[in-house]
Amino acid sequence: MAIVKIHKGMTMGEIVGRYPQLAGVIMEKYNLHCIGCGASTFETLEQGALGHGMSKKQMQEMVEHLNSIITKKSK
């Protein structure tokens, strides 16, 4: 399966649908519980992060961290 890099425009539903192993990281490390919310099907990672008080820099660091996890898992 080809790796699809995570980006700020992906919805939470897309991310967890593709990479279920990231659900715990997103909820526990980043305190974003949007995954269980009805908005997860249309709210983007950026909207969720900024809406919960993250800065754009913090959001970008989260995206990089999540991508590093999926890259390591595929090796």
PDB file of N, CA and C in Angstrom:
ATOM      1  N   MET A   1       0.848  -1.180   0.000  1.00  0.00           N
ATOM      2  CA  MET A   1       0.000   0.000   0.000  1.00  0.00           C
ATOM      3  C   MET A   1       0.890   1.240   0.000  1.00  0.00           C
ATOM      4  N   ALA A   2       0.606   2.149  -0.875  1.00  0.00           N
ATOM      5  CA  ALA A   2       1.385   3.382  -0.964  1.00  0.00           C
ATOM      6  C   ALA A   2       1.057   4.297   0.211  1.00  0.00           C
ATOM      7  N   ILE A   3       2.083   4.958   0.693  1.00  0.00           N
ATOM      8  CA  ILE A   3       1.894   5.901   1.793  1.00  0.00           C
ATOM      9  C   ILE A   3       1.326   7.197   1.236  1.00  0.00           C
ATOM     10  N   VAL A   4       0.257   7.639   1.842  1.00  0.00           N
ATOM     11  CA  VAL A   4      -0.323   8.941   1.521  1.00  0.00           C
ATOM     12  C   VAL A   4       0.053   9.850   2.675  1.00  0.00           C
ATOM     13  N   LYS A   5       0.864  10.861   2.376  1.00  0.00           N
ATOM     14  CA  LYS A   5       1.316  11.765   3.436  1.00  0.00           C
ATOM     15  C   LYS A   5       0.146  12.549   4.009  1.00  0.00           C
ATOM     16  N   ILE A   6       0.197  12.734   5.286  1.00  0.00           N
ATOM     17  CA  ILE A   6      -0.815  13.521   5.984  1.00  0.00           C
ATOM     18  C   ILE A   6      -0.531  14.994   5.735  1.00  0.00           C
ATOM     19  N   HIS A   7      -1.594  15.742   5.521  1.00  0.00           N
ATOM     20  CA  HIS A   7      -1.461  17.189   5.343  1.00  0.00           C
ATOM     21  C   HIS A   7      -2.607  17.874   6.065  1.00  0.00           C
ATOM     22  N   LYS A   8      -2.454  19.163   6.274  1.00  0.00           N
ATOM     23  CA  LYS A   8      -3.406  19.922   7.084  1.00  0.00           C
ATOM     24  C   LYS A   8      -4.807  19.970   6.494  1.00  0.00           C
ATOM     25  N   GLY A   9      -4.952  19.692   5.216  1.00  0.00           N
ATOM     26  CA  GLY A   9      -6.261  19.728   4.576  1.00  0.00           C
ATOM     27  C   GLY A   9      -7.039  18.425   4.658  1.00  0.00           C
ATOM     28  N   MET A  10      -6.425  17.377   5.203  1.00  0.00           N
ATOM     29  CA  MET A  10      -7.127  16.092   5.353  1.00  0.00           C
ATOM     30  C   MET A  10      -8.098  16.182   6.521  1.00  0.00           C
ATOM     31  N   THR A  11      -9.208  15.478   6.402  1.00  0.00           N
ATOM     32  CA  THR A  11     -10.135  15.430   7.530  1.00  0.00           C
ATOM     33  C   THR A  11      -9.624  14.412   8.552  1.00  0.00           C
ATOM     34  N   MET A  12     -10.094  14.572   9.770  1.00  0.00           N
ATOM     35  CA  MET A  12      -9.734  13.621  10.821  1.00  0.00           C
ATOM     36  C   MET A  12     -10.188  12.220  10.421  1.00  0.00           C
ATOM     37  N   GLY A  13     -11.371  12.144   9.816  1.00  0.00           N
ATOM     38  CA  GLY A  13     -11.893  10.858   9.368  1.00  0.00           C
ATOM     39  C   GLY A  13     -10.993  10.195   8.338  1.00  0.00           C
ATOM     40  N   GLU A  14     -10.472  10.975   7.393  1.00  0.00           N
ATOM     41  CA  GLU A  14      -9.546  10.444   6.385  1.00  0.00           C
ATOM     42  C   GLU A  14      -8.279   9.905   7.036  1.00  0.00           C
ATOM     43  N   ILE A  15      -7.737  10.679   7.954  1.00  0.00           N
ATOM     44  CA  ILE A  15      -6.479  10.294   8.596  1.00  0.00           C
ATOM     45  C   ILE A  15      -6.645   8.983   9.357  1.00  0.00           C
ATOM     46  N   VAL A  16      -7.664   8.908  10.182  1.00  0.00           N
ATOM     47  CA  VAL A  16      -7.867   7.710  10.998  1.00  0.00           C
ATOM     48  C   VAL A  16      -8.346   6.537  10.149  1.00  0.00           C
ATOM     49  N   GLY A  17      -9.085   6.826   9.079  1.00  0.00           N
ATOM     50  CA  GLY A  17      -9.499   5.756   8.175  1.00  0.00           C
ATOM     51  C   GLY A  17      -8.308   5.090   7.501  1.00  0.00           C
ATOM     52  N   ARG A  18      -7.328   5.888   7.127  1.00  0.00           N
ATOM     53  CA  ARG A  18      -6.120   5.374   6.483  1.00  0.00           C
ATOM     54  C   ARG A  18      -5.119   4.814   7.485  1.00  0.00           C
ATOM     55  N   TYR A  19      -4.986   5.503   8.601  1.00  0.00           N
ATOM     56  CA  TYR A  19      -3.962   5.168   9.595  1.00  0.00           C
ATOM     57  C   TYR A  19      -4.572   5.089  10.993  1.00  0.00           C
ATOM     58  N   PRO A  20      -5.324   4.023  11.278  1.00  0.00           N
ATOM     59  CA  PRO A  20      -6.001   3.912  12.578  1.00  0.00           C
ATOM     60  C   PRO A  20      -5.038   3.963  13.765  1.00  0.00           C
ATOM     61  N   GLN A  21      -3.793   3.592  13.540  1.00  0.00           N
ATOM     62  CA  GLN A  21      -2.806   3.608  14.626  1.00  0.00           C
ATOM     63  C   GLN A  21      -2.505   5.024  15.105  1.00  0.00           C
ATOM     64  N   LEU A  22      -2.897   6.031  14.344  1.00  0.00           N
ATOM     65  CA  LEU A  22      -2.642   7.417  14.741  1.00  0.00           C
ATOM     66  C   LEU A  22      -3.719   7.986  15.663  1.00  0.00           C
ATOM     67  N   ALA A  23      -4.833   7.298  15.795  1.00  0.00           N
ATOM     68  CA  ALA A  23      -5.940   7.817  16.612  1.00  0.00           C
ATOM     69  C   ALA A  23      -5.482   8.111  18.040  1.00  0.00           C
ATOM     70  N   GLY A  24      -4.791   7.173  18.649  1.00  0.00           N
ATOM     71  CA  GLY A  24      -4.318   7.369  20.019  1.00  0.00           C
ATOM     72  C   GLY A  24      -3.326   8.511  20.142  1.00  0.00           C
ATOM     73  N   VAL A  25      -2.440   8.632  19.163  1.00  0.00           N
ATOM     74  CA  VAL A  25      -1.443   9.712  19.177  1.00  0.00           C
ATOM     75  C   VAL A  25      -2.141  11.061  19.095  1.00  0.00           C
ATOM     76  N   ILE A  26      -3.086  11.161  18.181  1.00  0.00           N
ATOM     77  CA  ILE A  26      -3.802  12.430  17.992  1.00  0.00           C
ATOM     78  C   ILE A  26      -4.564  12.803  19.260  1.00  0.00           C
ATOM     79  N   MET A  27      -5.198  11.819  19.878  1.00  0.00           N
ATOM     80  CA  MET A  27      -5.991  12.107  21.077  1.00  0.00           C
ATOM     81  C   MET A  27      -5.121  12.341  22.307  1.00  0.00           C
ATOM     82  N   GLU A  28      -4.121  11.483  22.517  1.00  0.00           N
ATOM     83  CA  GLU A  28      -3.345  11.551  23.752  1.00  0.00           C
ATOM     84  C   GLU A  28      -2.241  12.607  23.714  1.00  0.00           C
ATOM     85  N   LYS A  29      -1.452  12.615  22.671  1.00  0.00           N
ATOM     86  CA  LYS A  29      -0.326  13.560  22.613  1.00  0.00           C
ATOM     87  C   LYS A  29      -0.794  14.969  22.282  1.00  0.00           C
ATOM     88  N   TYR A  30      -1.790  15.075  21.388  1.00  0.00           N
ATOM     89  CA  TYR A  30      -2.208  16.398  20.918  1.00  0.00           C
ATOM     90  C   TYR A  30      -3.549  16.846  21.493  1.00  0.00           C
ATOM     91  N   ASN A  31      -4.165  15.998  22.314  1.00  0.00           N
ATOM     92  CA  ASN A  31      -5.421  16.332  22.989  1.00  0.00           C
ATOM     93  C   ASN A  31      -6.525  16.764  22.024  1.00  0.00           C
ATOM     94  N   LEU A  32      -6.528  16.147  20.848  1.00  0.00           N
ATOM     95  CA  LEU A  32      -7.577  16.422  19.861  1.00  0.00           C
ATOM     96  C   LEU A  32      -8.513  15.219  19.828  1.00  0.00           C
ATOM     97  N   HIS A  33      -9.659  15.380  20.403  1.00  0.00           N
ATOM     98  CA  HIS A  33     -10.626  14.288  20.479  1.00  0.00           C
ATOM     99  C   HIS A  33     -11.662  14.398  19.368  1.00  0.00           C
ATOM    100  N   CYS A  34     -11.303  15.108  18.317  1.00  0.00           N
ATOM    101  CA  CYS A  34     -12.192  15.321  17.168  1.00  0.00           C
ATOM    102  C   CYS A  34     -12.549  14.008  16.482  1.00  0.00           C
ATOM    103  N   ILE A  35     -11.738  12.998  16.693  1.00  0.00           N
ATOM    104  CA  ILE A  35     -11.940  11.722  16.030  1.00  0.00           C
ATOM    105  C   ILE A  35     -13.309  11.142  16.356  1.00  0.00           C
ATOM    106  N   GLY A  36     -13.743  11.274  17.588  1.00  0.00           N
ATOM    107  CA  GLY A  36     -15.039  10.753  17.991  1.00  0.00           C
ATOM    108  C   GLY A  36     -16.188  11.710  17.741  1.00  0.00           C
ATOM    109  N   CYS A  37     -15.877  12.869  17.233  1.00  0.00           N
ATOM    110  CA  CYS A  37     -16.880  13.914  17.004  1.00  0.00           C
ATOM    111  C   CYS A  37     -17.502  13.749  15.616  1.00  0.00           C
ATOM    112  N   GLY A  38     -18.748  14.121  15.482  1.00  0.00           N
ATOM    113  CA  GLY A  38     -19.421  14.059  14.187  1.00  0.00           C
ATOM    114  C   GLY A  38     -18.778  14.943  13.141  1.00  0.00           C
ATOM    115  N   ALA A  39     -18.052  15.953  13.586  1.00  0.00           N
ATOM    116  CA  ALA A  39     -17.389  16.870  12.654  1.00  0.00           C
ATOM    117  C   ALA A  39     -16.169  16.238  11.993  1.00  0.00           C
ATOM    118  N   SER A  40     -15.740  15.078  12.465  1.00  0.00           N
ATOM    119  CA  SER A  40     -14.516  14.463  11.936  1.00  0.00           C
ATOM    120  C   SER A  40     -14.611  14.118  10.456  1.00  0.00           C
ATOM    121  N   THR A  41     -15.823  14.028   9.946  1.00  0.00           N
ATOM    122  CA  THR A  41     -15.974  13.696   8.528  1.00  0.00           C
ATOM    123  C   THR A  41     -15.785  14.897   7.618  1.00  0.00           C
ATOM    124  N   PHE A  42     -15.892  16.094   8.170  1.00  0.00           N
ATOM    125  CA  PHE A  42     -15.723  17.279   7.315  1.00  0.00           C
ATOM    126  C   PHE A  42     -14.738  18.302   7.865  1.00  0.00           C
ATOM    127  N   GLU A  43     -14.384  18.203   9.130  1.00  0.00           N
ATOM    128  CA  GLU A  43     -13.435  19.157   9.711  1.00  0.00           C
ATOM    129  C   GLU A  43     -12.009  18.707   9.390  1.00  0.00           C
ATOM    130  N   THR A  44     -11.197  19.630   8.873  1.00  0.00           N
ATOM    131  CA  THR A  44      -9.820  19.283   8.532  1.00  0.00           C
ATOM    132  C   THR A  44      -8.941  19.255   9.775  1.00  0.00           C
ATOM    133  N   LEU A  45      -7.788  18.656   9.609  1.00  0.00           N
ATOM    134  CA  LEU A  45      -6.814  18.624  10.694  1.00  0.00           C
ATOM    135  C   LEU A  45      -6.468  20.047  11.126  1.00  0.00           C
ATOM    136  N   GLU A  46      -6.296  20.922  10.161  1.00  0.00           N
ATOM    137  CA  GLU A  46      -5.979  22.316  10.475  1.00  0.00           C
ATOM    138  C   GLU A  46      -7.109  22.976  11.256  1.00  0.00           C
ATOM    139  N   GLN A  47      -8.343  22.804  10.821  1.00  0.00           N
ATOM    140  CA  GLN A  47      -9.477  23.412  11.515  1.00  0.00           C
ATOM    141  C   GLN A  47      -9.584  22.896  12.949  1.00  0.00           C
ATOM    142  N   GLY A  48      -9.418  21.601  13.112  1.00  0.00           N
ATOM    143  CA  GLY A  48      -9.493  21.011  14.448  1.00  0.00           C
ATOM    144  C   GLY A  48      -8.385  21.507  15.355  1.00  0.00           C
ATOM    145  N   ALA A  49      -7.166  21.531  14.820  1.00  0.00           N
ATOM    146  CA  ALA A  49      -6.014  21.960  15.623  1.00  0.00           C
ATOM    147  C   ALA A  49      -6.128  23.428  16.017  1.00  0.00           C
ATOM    148  N   LEU A  50      -6.398  24.286  15.053  1.00  0.00           N
ATOM    149  CA  LEU A  50      -6.497  25.714  15.348  1.00  0.00           C
ATOM    150  C   LEU A  50      -7.702  26.007  16.235  1.00  0.00           C
ATOM    151  N   GLY A  51      -8.790  25.274  16.020  1.00  0.00           N
ATOM    152  CA  GLY A  51      -9.989  25.447  16.830  1.00  0.00           C
ATOM    153  C   GLY A  51      -9.793  25.048  18.284  1.00  0.00           C
ATOM    154  N   HIS A  52      -8.787  24.207  18.525  1.00  0.00           N
ATOM    155  CA  HIS A  52      -8.491  23.769  19.891  1.00  0.00           C
ATOM    156  C   HIS A  52      -7.263  24.466  20.461  1.00  0.00           C
ATOM    157  N   GLY A  53      -6.898  25.601  19.864  1.00  0.00           N
ATOM    158  CA  GLY A  53      -5.864  26.444  20.449  1.00  0.00           C
ATOM    159  C   GLY A  53      -4.433  26.219  20.004  1.00  0.00           C
ATOM    160  N   MET A  54      -4.205  25.330  19.054  1.00  0.00           N
ATOM    161  CA  MET A  54      -2.842  25.140  18.560  1.00  0.00           C
ATOM    162  C   MET A  54      -2.454  26.306  17.665  1.00  0.00           C
ATOM    163  N   SER A  55      -1.176  26.624  17.666  1.00  0.00           N
ATOM    164  CA  SER A  55      -0.671  27.617  16.720  1.00  0.00           C
ATOM    165  C   SER A  55      -0.415  26.909  15.383  1.00  0.00           C
ATOM    166  N   LYS A  56      -0.228  27.686  14.339  1.00  0.00           N
ATOM    167  CA  LYS A  56       0.075  27.083  13.031  1.00  0.00           C
ATOM    168  C   LYS A  56       1.388  26.309  13.094  1.00  0.00           C
ATOM    169  N   LYS A  57       2.347  26.822  13.859  1.00  0.00           N
ATOM    170  CA  LYS A  57       3.632  26.136  14.010  1.00  0.00           C
ATOM    171  C   LYS A  57       3.442  24.789  14.716  1.00  0.00           C
ATOM    172  N   GLN A  58       2.660  24.778  15.791  1.00  0.00           N
ATOM    173  CA  GLN A  58       2.392  23.527  16.505  1.00  0.00           C
ATOM    174  C   GLN A  58       1.672  22.532  15.604  1.00  0.00           C
ATOM    175  N   MET A  59       0.733  23.038  14.800  1.00  0.00           N
ATOM    176  CA  MET A  59      -0.002  22.163  13.897  1.00  0.00           C
ATOM    177  C   MET A  59       0.945  21.548  12.874  1.00  0.00           C
ATOM    178  N   GLN A  60       1.854  22.345  12.324  1.00  0.00           N
ATOM    179  CA  GLN A  60       2.815  21.835  11.347  1.00  0.00           C
ATOM    180  C   GLN A  60       3.740  20.800  11.977  1.00  0.00           C
ATOM    181  N   GLU A  61       4.154  21.034  13.203  1.00  0.00           N
ATOM    182  CA  GLU A  61       4.987  20.055  13.915  1.00  0.00           C
ATOM    183  C   GLU A  61       4.225  18.748  14.125  1.00  0.00           C
ATOM    184  N   MET A  62       2.934  18.838  14.414  1.00  0.00           N
ATOM    185  CA  MET A  62       2.108  17.643  14.572  1.00  0.00           C
ATOM    186  C   MET A  62       2.040  16.875  13.256  1.00  0.00           C
ATOM    187  N   VAL A  63       1.810  17.572  12.145  1.00  0.00           N
ATOM    188  CA  VAL A  63       1.744  16.930  10.828  1.00  0.00           C
ATOM    189  C   VAL A  63       3.060  16.196  10.548  1.00  0.00           C
ATOM    190  N   GLU A  64       4.179  16.852  10.815  1.00  0.00           N
ATOM    191  CA  GLU A  64       5.488  16.230  10.594  1.00  0.00           C
ATOM    192  C   GLU A  64       5.662  14.994  11.480  1.00  0.00           C
ATOM    193  N   HIS A  65       5.229  15.092  12.732  1.00  0.00           N
ATOM    194  CA  HIS A  65       5.331  13.952  13.648  1.00  0.00           C
ATOM    195  C   HIS A  65       4.476  12.784  13.162  1.00  0.00           C
ATOM    196  N   LEU A  66       3.239  13.057  12.776  1.00  0.00           N
ATOM    197  CA  LEU A  66       2.357  11.991  12.294  1.00  0.00           C
ATOM    198  C   LEU A  66       2.931  11.336  11.040  1.00  0.00           C
ATOM    199  N   ASN A  67       3.480  12.138  10.136  1.00  0.00           N
ATOM    200  CA  ASN A  67       4.097  11.576   8.933  1.00  0.00           C
ATOM    201  C   ASN A  67       5.320  10.738   9.271  1.00  0.00           C
ATOM    202  N   SER A  68       6.076  11.131  10.282  1.00  0.00           N
ATOM    203  CA  SER A  68       7.242  10.331  10.671  1.00  0.00           C
ATOM    204  C   SER A  68       6.801   8.969  11.207  1.00  0.00           C
ATOM    205  N   ILE A  69       5.677   8.927  11.884  1.00  0.00           N
ATOM    206  CA  ILE A  69       5.159   7.656  12.407  1.00  0.00           C
ATOM    207  C   ILE A  69       4.764   6.731  11.266  1.00  0.00           C
ATOM    208  N   ILE A  70       4.017   7.242  10.293  1.00  0.00           N
ATOM    209  CA  ILE A  70       3.570   6.358   9.208  1.00  0.00           C
ATOM    210  C   ILE A  70       4.729   5.955   8.307  1.00  0.00           C
ATOM    211  N   THR A  71       5.733   6.801   8.194  1.00  0.00           N
ATOM    212  CA  THR A  71       6.901   6.461   7.383  1.00  0.00           C
ATOM    213  C   THR A  71       7.692   5.339   8.043  1.00  0.00           C
ATOM    214  N   LYS A  72       7.862   5.393   9.356  1.00  0.00           N
ATOM    215  CA  LYS A  72       8.586   4.345  10.086  1.00  0.00           C
ATOM    216  C   LYS A  72       7.848   3.016  10.015  1.00  0.00           C
ATOM    217  N   LYS A  73       6.517   3.055  10.089  1.00  0.00           N
ATOM    218  CA  LYS A  73       5.714   1.828  10.084  1.00  0.00           C
ATOM    219  C   LYS A  73       5.805   1.104   8.745  1.00  0.00           C
ATOM    220  N   SER A  74       6.072   1.841   7.655  1.00  0.00           N
ATOM    221  CA  SER A  74       6.071   1.225   6.333  1.00  0.00           C
ATOM    222  C   SER A  74       7.412   0.591   5.983  1.00  0.00           C
ATOM    223  N   LYS A  75       8.436   0.835   6.786  1.00  0.00           N
ATOM    224  CA  LYS A  75       9.777   0.300   6.472  1.00  0.00           C
ATOM    225  C   LYS A  75       9.932  -1.110   6.960  1.00  0.00           C
TER     226      LYS A  75
END
